[in-house]
Amino acid sequence: MNSAIVLPIALAFIAGLMLAVQAPTNAMLAKAGGSPVLAALISFAVGTAVLFAVWLASGQRTAAGAFKTLPYYAWFGGLYGALFVAVAAYAAPRIGLASLITIGIAGQILMAVLLDHFGVLGLPRDPATLTKALGAVLVIAGVVLVRKG
């Protein structure tokens, strides 16, 4: 395996592990606070504080002007994350963590194939192939199997 991709793959795997832990911990917050939206707010507040501390510790500083040329939709990343966190806090106790994660991954795979195929949002164009489509179908089949299991 190419050593340049080992670290990103390992980090992606670890992030995936943490996503699975995030949903039930946020569900606990939602139950205690009576709202998945409040749970998401708390989750993002903690995450923001941690990221701010890490950014400060990094010593990296970016001029505010660097953001002026970005398209308006570049600012929506937090919106997508907030939606996922709130939905996960709501859905995990109702459909189970395995269903939540597999259904979420199926949605991610479908969107990723489309974004890659059309090369949008700054991504290089990577056309959909029969092999990728088969992979997406297998992920969806996995969702069905997890839900039935």
N, C-alpha and C. Protein backbone atom coordinates (compact mmCIF):
# COMPACT_ATOMS: atom_id res chain seq x y z
N MET A 1 0.84 -1.18 0.00
CA MET A 1 0.00 0.00 0.00
C MET A 1 0.89 1.24 0.00
N ASN A 2 0.49 2.23 -0.75
CA ASN A 2 1.21 3.49 -0.85
C ASN A 2 1.25 4.16 0.53
N SER A 3 2.44 4.44 1.04
CA SER A 3 2.58 5.00 2.38
C SER A 3 1.94 6.38 2.51
N ALA A 4 1.78 7.10 1.41
CA ALA A 4 1.17 8.43 1.45
C ALA A 4 -0.32 8.37 1.79
N ILE A 5 -0.94 7.21 1.59
CA ILE A 5 -2.37 7.12 1.88
C ILE A 5 -2.67 6.37 3.18
N VAL A 6 -1.67 5.81 3.83
CA VAL A 6 -1.90 5.06 5.06
C VAL A 6 -2.48 5.96 6.15
N LEU A 7 -1.89 7.13 6.37
CA LEU A 7 -2.37 8.03 7.41
C LEU A 7 -3.80 8.50 7.14
N PRO A 8 -4.12 8.99 5.93
CA PRO A 8 -5.51 9.40 5.69
C PRO A 8 -6.51 8.25 5.86
N ILE A 9 -6.13 7.06 5.44
CA ILE A 9 -7.02 5.91 5.60
C ILE A 9 -7.22 5.60 7.09
N ALA A 10 -6.14 5.60 7.84
CA ALA A 10 -6.24 5.32 9.28
C ALA A 10 -7.09 6.38 9.97
N LEU A 11 -6.88 7.64 9.63
CA LEU A 11 -7.66 8.71 10.24
C LEU A 11 -9.15 8.61 9.86
N ALA A 12 -9.43 8.27 8.61
CA ALA A 12 -10.83 8.10 8.18
C ALA A 12 -11.49 6.96 8.95
N PHE A 13 -10.75 5.89 9.17
CA PHE A 13 -11.28 4.75 9.93
C PHE A 13 -11.58 5.16 11.38
N ILE A 14 -10.64 5.87 11.98
CA ILE A 14 -10.82 6.33 13.37
C ILE A 14 -12.00 7.30 13.45
N ALA A 15 -12.11 8.20 12.48
CA ALA A 15 -13.25 9.12 12.45
C ALA A 15 -14.56 8.35 12.33
N GLY A 16 -14.57 7.30 11.53
CA GLY A 16 -15.77 6.46 11.42
C GLY A 16 -16.12 5.80 12.74
N LEU A 17 -15.11 5.33 13.45
CA LEU A 17 -15.35 4.76 14.78
C LEU A 17 -16.00 5.80 15.70
N MET A 18 -15.48 7.01 15.65
CA MET A 18 -16.00 8.06 16.52
C MET A 18 -17.41 8.48 16.13
N LEU A 19 -17.74 8.44 14.84
CA LEU A 19 -19.11 8.75 14.42
C LEU A 19 -20.10 7.77 15.04
N ALA A 20 -19.70 6.51 15.12
CA ALA A 20 -20.58 5.51 15.73
C ALA A 20 -20.79 5.79 17.21
N VAL A 21 -19.79 6.32 17.88
CA VAL A 21 -19.90 6.64 19.31
C VAL A 21 -20.67 7.95 19.50
N GLN A 22 -20.55 8.86 18.55
CA GLN A 22 -21.19 10.16 18.67
C GLN A 22 -22.71 10.06 18.77
N ALA A 23 -23.32 9.23 17.95
CA ALA A 23 -24.78 9.15 17.93
C ALA A 23 -25.37 8.75 19.29
N PRO A 24 -24.89 7.67 19.92
CA PRO A 24 -25.50 7.32 21.22
C PRO A 24 -25.18 8.33 22.32
N THR A 25 -24.01 8.94 22.29
CA THR A 25 -23.72 9.95 23.32
C THR A 25 -24.61 11.18 23.12
N ASN A 26 -24.85 11.57 21.87
CA ASN A 26 -25.76 12.68 21.62
C ASN A 26 -27.21 12.30 21.93
N ALA A 27 -27.56 11.03 21.75
CA ALA A 27 -28.90 10.57 22.12
C ALA A 27 -29.09 10.70 23.64
N MET A 28 -28.03 10.44 24.40
CA MET A 28 -28.09 10.63 25.85
C MET A 28 -28.36 12.10 26.18
N LEU A 29 -27.66 12.99 25.49
CA LEU A 29 -27.89 14.43 25.69
C LEU A 29 -29.32 14.81 25.31
N ALA A 30 -29.81 14.25 24.20
CA ALA A 30 -31.17 14.56 23.75
C ALA A 30 -32.21 14.08 24.76
N LYS A 31 -32.00 12.91 25.32
CA LYS A 31 -32.94 12.38 26.30
C LYS A 31 -32.94 13.25 27.56
N ALA A 32 -31.75 13.61 28.03
CA ALA A 32 -31.65 14.42 29.24
C ALA A 32 -32.22 15.82 29.02
N GLY A 33 -31.96 16.40 27.86
CA GLY A 33 -32.40 17.76 27.58
C GLY A 33 -33.75 17.87 26.91
N GLY A 34 -34.28 16.73 26.47
CA GLY A 34 -35.59 16.72 25.83
C GLY A 34 -35.61 17.20 24.39
N SER A 35 -34.43 17.30 23.76
CA SER A 35 -34.40 17.82 22.39
C SER A 35 -33.15 17.36 21.65
N PRO A 36 -33.32 16.75 20.47
CA PRO A 36 -32.15 16.41 19.67
C PRO A 36 -31.44 17.66 19.14
N VAL A 37 -32.17 18.74 18.99
CA VAL A 37 -31.55 19.98 18.52
C VAL A 37 -30.64 20.54 19.62
N LEU A 38 -31.09 20.50 20.87
CA LEU A 38 -30.24 20.94 21.97
C LEU A 38 -29.02 20.04 22.09
N ALA A 39 -29.21 18.74 21.91
CA ALA A 39 -28.08 17.81 21.95
C ALA A 39 -27.06 18.17 20.87
N ALA A 40 -27.54 18.46 19.67
CA ALA A 40 -26.63 18.85 18.58
C ALA A 40 -25.92 20.15 18.92
N LEU A 41 -26.64 21.09 19.51
CA LEU A 41 -26.03 22.37 19.89
C LEU A 41 -24.91 22.16 20.91
N ILE A 42 -25.17 21.33 21.91
CA ILE A 42 -24.15 21.04 22.91
C ILE A 42 -22.95 20.35 22.25
N SER A 43 -23.24 19.38 21.39
CA SER A 43 -22.18 18.65 20.69
C SER A 43 -21.31 19.60 19.88
N PHE A 44 -21.95 20.50 19.14
CA PHE A 44 -21.19 21.44 18.32
C PHE A 44 -20.44 22.46 19.16
N ALA A 45 -21.01 22.86 20.30
CA ALA A 45 -20.32 23.80 21.18
C ALA A 45 -19.04 23.17 21.73
N VAL A 46 -19.14 21.92 22.15
CA VAL A 46 -17.95 21.22 22.65
C VAL A 46 -16.94 21.05 21.52
N GLY A 47 -17.42 20.61 20.36
CA GLY A 47 -16.54 20.44 19.21
C GLY A 47 -15.88 21.74 18.79
N THR A 48 -16.63 22.82 18.81
CA THR A 48 -16.08 24.13 18.46
C THR A 48 -14.99 24.54 19.43
N ALA A 49 -15.24 24.33 20.72
CA ALA A 49 -14.23 24.69 21.73
C ALA A 49 -12.95 23.87 21.54
N VAL A 50 -13.11 22.58 21.27
CA VAL A 50 -11.93 21.72 21.06
C VAL A 50 -11.17 22.16 19.81
N LEU A 51 -11.89 22.37 18.72
CA LEU A 51 -11.23 22.79 17.48
C LEU A 51 -10.55 24.15 17.64
N PHE A 52 -11.18 25.05 18.36
CA PHE A 52 -10.58 26.37 18.58
C PHE A 52 -9.27 26.22 19.37
N ALA A 53 -9.29 25.39 20.40
CA ALA A 53 -8.08 25.17 21.21
C ALA A 53 -6.97 24.54 20.37
N VAL A 54 -7.32 23.56 19.55
CA VAL A 54 -6.32 22.91 18.69
C VAL A 54 -5.78 23.91 17.68
N TRP A 55 -6.65 24.73 17.10
CA TRP A 55 -6.21 25.74 16.13
C TRP A 55 -5.27 26.74 16.79
N LEU A 56 -5.62 27.20 17.99
CA LEU A 56 -4.74 28.13 18.70
C LEU A 56 -3.38 27.49 18.99
N ALA A 57 -3.41 26.24 19.43
CA ALA A 57 -2.16 25.54 19.74
C ALA A 57 -1.30 25.30 18.51
N SER A 58 -1.93 25.22 17.35
CA SER A 58 -1.18 24.95 16.12
C SER A 58 -0.32 26.14 15.69
N GLY A 59 -0.68 27.34 16.13
CA GLY A 59 0.06 28.53 15.74
C GLY A 59 -0.24 28.99 14.33
N GLN A 60 -1.11 28.29 13.65
CA GLN A 60 -1.46 28.63 12.27
C GLN A 60 -2.46 29.78 12.26
N ARG A 61 -2.17 30.83 11.52
CA ARG A 61 -3.07 31.97 11.44
C ARG A 61 -3.34 32.29 9.97
N THR A 62 -4.60 32.49 9.67
CA THR A 62 -5.02 32.80 8.32
C THR A 62 -5.66 34.18 8.31
N ALA A 63 -5.31 34.98 7.33
CA ALA A 63 -5.91 36.30 7.20
C ALA A 63 -7.38 36.16 6.81
N ALA A 64 -8.22 37.01 7.37
CA ALA A 64 -9.65 36.96 7.08
C ALA A 64 -9.94 37.11 5.59
N GLY A 65 -9.10 37.84 4.89
CA GLY A 65 -9.30 38.06 3.46
C GLY A 65 -9.24 36.79 2.63
N ALA A 66 -8.64 35.73 3.18
CA ALA A 66 -8.53 34.47 2.44
C ALA A 66 -9.90 33.85 2.16
N PHE A 67 -10.90 34.25 2.93
CA PHE A 67 -12.24 33.67 2.78
C PHE A 67 -13.13 34.47 1.84
N LYS A 68 -12.70 35.64 1.43
CA LYS A 68 -13.53 36.53 0.62
C LYS A 68 -13.90 35.95 -0.74
N THR A 69 -13.04 35.14 -1.31
CA THR A 69 -13.30 34.65 -2.67
C THR A 69 -14.10 33.35 -2.70
N LEU A 70 -14.43 32.82 -1.53
CA LEU A 70 -15.17 31.56 -1.50
C LEU A 70 -16.60 31.75 -1.97
N PRO A 71 -17.16 30.76 -2.65
CA PRO A 71 -18.59 30.84 -3.01
C PRO A 71 -19.43 30.70 -1.73
N TYR A 72 -20.65 31.23 -1.76
CA TYR A 72 -21.51 31.24 -0.58
C TYR A 72 -21.71 29.84 0.01
N TYR A 73 -21.80 28.83 -0.85
CA TYR A 73 -22.09 27.48 -0.35
C TYR A 73 -20.92 26.83 0.37
N ALA A 74 -19.75 27.44 0.31
CA ALA A 74 -18.61 26.90 1.05
C ALA A 74 -18.83 27.01 2.56
N TRP A 75 -19.76 27.84 2.96
CA TRP A 75 -20.04 28.06 4.39
C TRP A 75 -21.07 27.08 4.94
N PHE A 76 -21.61 26.20 4.11
CA PHE A 76 -22.71 25.33 4.54
C PHE A 76 -22.28 24.03 5.20
N GLY A 77 -20.98 23.75 5.27
CA GLY A 77 -20.50 22.49 5.85
C GLY A 77 -21.03 22.24 7.25
N GLY A 78 -21.05 23.29 8.06
CA GLY A 78 -21.56 23.15 9.42
C GLY A 78 -23.04 22.81 9.45
N LEU A 79 -23.78 23.33 8.48
CA LEU A 79 -25.21 23.02 8.38
C LEU A 79 -25.43 21.53 8.17
N TYR A 80 -24.66 20.94 7.27
CA TYR A 80 -24.81 19.51 6.99
C TYR A 80 -24.45 18.69 8.22
N GLY A 81 -23.37 19.07 8.88
CA GLY A 81 -22.96 18.36 10.09
C GLY A 81 -23.99 18.49 11.19
N ALA A 82 -24.55 19.69 11.37
CA ALA A 82 -25.56 19.91 12.41
C ALA A 82 -26.80 19.07 12.13
N LEU A 83 -27.20 19.00 10.88
CA LEU A 83 -28.36 18.17 10.52
C LEU A 83 -28.09 16.71 10.87
N PHE A 84 -26.92 16.21 10.50
CA PHE A 84 -26.61 14.82 10.79
C PHE A 84 -26.60 14.56 12.29
N VAL A 85 -25.97 15.44 13.06
CA VAL A 85 -25.88 15.23 14.51
C VAL A 85 -27.26 15.24 15.16
N ALA A 86 -28.10 16.19 14.77
CA ALA A 86 -29.45 16.26 15.34
C ALA A 86 -30.28 15.04 14.93
N VAL A 87 -30.22 14.66 13.66
CA VAL A 87 -30.96 13.48 13.20
C VAL A 87 -30.45 12.22 13.89
N ALA A 88 -29.15 12.09 14.06
CA ALA A 88 -28.58 10.92 14.72
C ALA A 88 -29.04 10.83 16.17
N ALA A 89 -29.07 11.97 16.86
CA ALA A 89 -29.52 11.98 18.26
C ALA A 89 -30.98 11.56 18.36
N TYR A 90 -31.77 11.94 17.36
CA TYR A 90 -33.19 11.56 17.32
C TYR A 90 -33.37 10.11 16.89
N ALA A 91 -32.69 9.71 15.83
CA ALA A 91 -32.95 8.42 15.20
C ALA A 91 -32.30 7.22 15.89
N ALA A 92 -31.12 7.38 16.45
CA ALA A 92 -30.39 6.24 17.03
C ALA A 92 -31.23 5.45 18.04
N PRO A 93 -31.90 6.11 18.99
CA PRO A 93 -32.69 5.31 19.93
C PRO A 93 -33.95 4.70 19.32
N ARG A 94 -34.36 5.18 18.14
CA ARG A 94 -35.60 4.71 17.52
C ARG A 94 -35.37 3.59 16.51
N ILE A 95 -34.26 3.66 15.77
CA ILE A 95 -34.03 2.63 14.74
C ILE A 95 -32.79 1.80 15.02
N GLY A 96 -32.04 2.17 16.04
CA GLY A 96 -30.82 1.44 16.38
C GLY A 96 -29.61 2.05 15.70
N LEU A 97 -28.49 1.89 16.36
CA LEU A 97 -27.25 2.49 15.86
C LEU A 97 -26.80 1.87 14.54
N ALA A 98 -26.87 0.55 14.42
CA ALA A 98 -26.43 -0.10 13.18
C ALA A 98 -27.25 0.37 11.99
N SER A 99 -28.56 0.49 12.17
CA SER A 99 -29.40 0.99 11.07
C SER A 99 -29.08 2.43 10.75
N LEU A 100 -28.93 3.26 11.78
CA LEU A 100 -28.59 4.67 11.56
C LEU A 100 -27.31 4.79 10.75
N ILE A 101 -26.28 4.09 11.18
CA ILE A 101 -24.98 4.21 10.52
C ILE A 101 -25.03 3.65 9.10
N THR A 102 -25.63 2.48 8.90
CA THR A 102 -25.64 1.91 7.54
C THR A 102 -26.50 2.73 6.59
N ILE A 103 -27.63 3.23 7.07
CA ILE A 103 -28.46 4.08 6.20
C ILE A 103 -27.71 5.37 5.88
N GLY A 104 -27.05 5.95 6.88
CA GLY A 104 -26.26 7.16 6.65
C GLY A 104 -25.13 6.93 5.66
N ILE A 105 -24.47 5.79 5.77
CA ILE A 105 -23.38 5.47 4.84
C ILE A 105 -23.93 5.27 3.43
N ALA A 106 -25.10 4.65 3.31
CA ALA A 106 -25.71 4.49 1.99
C ALA A 106 -25.95 5.86 1.35
N GLY A 107 -26.47 6.81 2.13
CA GLY A 107 -26.67 8.16 1.62
C GLY A 107 -25.37 8.83 1.24
N GLN A 108 -24.34 8.61 2.06
CA GLN A 108 -23.03 9.19 1.77
C GLN A 108 -22.44 8.62 0.49
N ILE A 109 -22.57 7.31 0.30
CA ILE A 109 -22.03 6.67 -0.90
C ILE A 109 -22.73 7.21 -2.15
N LEU A 110 -24.05 7.29 -2.09
CA LEU A 110 -24.80 7.79 -3.25
C LEU A 110 -24.36 9.22 -3.59
N MET A 111 -24.30 10.09 -2.58
CA MET A 111 -23.92 11.48 -2.83
C MET A 111 -22.46 11.56 -3.29
N ALA A 112 -21.59 10.76 -2.70
CA ALA A 112 -20.17 10.79 -3.09
C ALA A 112 -19.98 10.39 -4.55
N VAL A 113 -20.68 9.35 -4.98
CA VAL A 113 -20.57 8.92 -6.38
C VAL A 113 -21.05 10.04 -7.31
N LEU A 114 -22.15 10.68 -6.94
CA LEU A 114 -22.66 11.78 -7.77
C LEU A 114 -21.71 12.97 -7.80
N LEU A 115 -21.21 13.37 -6.62
CA LEU A 115 -20.29 14.51 -6.57
C LEU A 115 -19.01 14.22 -7.35
N ASP A 116 -18.47 13.01 -7.19
CA ASP A 116 -17.27 12.63 -7.94
C ASP A 116 -17.56 12.59 -9.45
N HIS A 117 -18.69 12.01 -9.82
CA HIS A 117 -19.02 11.86 -11.24
C HIS A 117 -19.06 13.21 -11.94
N PHE A 118 -19.69 14.19 -11.29
CA PHE A 118 -19.84 15.50 -11.91
C PHE A 118 -18.70 16.45 -11.56
N GLY A 119 -17.84 16.07 -10.63
CA GLY A 119 -16.70 16.91 -10.27
C GLY A 119 -17.11 18.26 -9.72
N VAL A 120 -18.09 18.26 -8.83
CA VAL A 120 -18.57 19.53 -8.28
C VAL A 120 -17.94 19.81 -6.92
N LEU A 121 -18.12 21.03 -6.43
CA LEU A 121 -17.61 21.48 -5.13
C LEU A 121 -16.10 21.37 -5.02
N GLY A 122 -15.43 21.61 -6.12
CA GLY A 122 -13.97 21.61 -6.12
C GLY A 122 -13.34 20.23 -6.22
N LEU A 123 -14.13 19.19 -6.39
CA LEU A 123 -13.59 17.84 -6.51
C LEU A 123 -13.15 17.56 -7.93
N PRO A 124 -12.11 16.75 -8.10
CA PRO A 124 -11.76 16.35 -9.47
C PRO A 124 -12.85 15.42 -10.01
N ARG A 125 -13.09 15.49 -11.29
CA ARG A 125 -14.11 14.63 -11.91
C ARG A 125 -13.61 13.20 -11.92
N ASP A 126 -14.43 12.30 -11.39
CA ASP A 126 -14.12 10.87 -11.33
C ASP A 126 -15.39 10.13 -11.72
N PRO A 127 -15.55 9.85 -13.02
CA PRO A 127 -16.82 9.32 -13.52
C PRO A 127 -17.28 8.04 -12.80
N ALA A 128 -18.60 7.95 -12.64
CA ALA A 128 -19.20 6.75 -12.07
C ALA A 128 -18.97 5.60 -13.05
N THR A 129 -18.72 4.44 -12.49
CA THR A 129 -18.50 3.25 -13.30
C THR A 129 -19.45 2.16 -12.84
N LEU A 130 -19.52 1.10 -13.62
CA LEU A 130 -20.34 -0.04 -13.23
C LEU A 130 -19.86 -0.62 -11.90
N THR A 131 -18.56 -0.65 -11.70
CA THR A 131 -18.00 -1.17 -10.46
C THR A 131 -18.43 -0.31 -9.27
N LYS A 132 -18.38 1.01 -9.41
CA LYS A 132 -18.83 1.90 -8.33
C LYS A 132 -20.32 1.73 -8.07
N ALA A 133 -21.10 1.62 -9.14
CA ALA A 133 -22.54 1.43 -8.98
C ALA A 133 -22.82 0.12 -8.25
N LEU A 134 -22.08 -0.93 -8.60
CA LEU A 134 -22.25 -2.22 -7.92
C LEU A 134 -21.89 -2.08 -6.44
N GLY A 135 -20.82 -1.36 -6.14
CA GLY A 135 -20.44 -1.11 -4.75
C GLY A 135 -21.55 -0.39 -3.99
N ALA A 136 -22.16 0.61 -4.62
CA ALA A 136 -23.26 1.34 -3.98
C ALA A 136 -24.46 0.42 -3.75
N VAL A 137 -24.75 -0.43 -4.71
CA VAL A 137 -25.86 -1.40 -4.56
C VAL A 137 -25.56 -2.35 -3.41
N LEU A 138 -24.32 -2.78 -3.28
CA LEU A 138 -23.94 -3.67 -2.18
C LEU A 138 -24.09 -2.98 -0.82
N VAL A 139 -23.77 -1.69 -0.77
CA VAL A 139 -23.96 -0.94 0.48
C VAL A 139 -25.45 -0.89 0.83
N ILE A 140 -26.29 -0.62 -0.17
CA ILE A 140 -27.73 -0.58 0.07
C ILE A 140 -28.25 -1.96 0.48
N ALA A 141 -27.71 -3.01 -0.13
CA ALA A 141 -28.08 -4.37 0.28
C ALA A 141 -27.67 -4.59 1.74
N GLY A 142 -26.52 -4.07 2.13
CA GLY A 142 -26.08 -4.16 3.51
C GLY A 142 -27.05 -3.47 4.46
N VAL A 143 -27.59 -2.32 4.05
CA VAL A 143 -28.59 -1.63 4.86
C VAL A 143 -29.79 -2.53 5.08
N VAL A 144 -30.27 -3.13 4.00
CA VAL A 144 -31.44 -4.02 4.09
C VAL A 144 -31.14 -5.19 5.04
N LEU A 145 -29.96 -5.80 4.90
CA LEU A 145 -29.61 -6.91 5.76
C LEU A 145 -29.51 -6.49 7.23
N VAL A 146 -28.92 -5.34 7.50
CA VAL A 146 -28.81 -4.87 8.87
C VAL A 146 -30.20 -4.60 9.45
N ARG A 147 -31.07 -3.99 8.66
CA ARG A 147 -32.44 -3.69 9.14
C ARG A 147 -33.22 -4.97 9.41
N LYS A 148 -33.04 -5.99 8.60
CA LYS A 148 -33.78 -7.25 8.78
C LYS A 148 -33.19 -8.10 9.90
N GLY A 149 -31.89 -7.87 10.19
CA GLY A 149 -31.19 -8.70 11.15
C GLY A 149 -31.61 -8.40 12.55
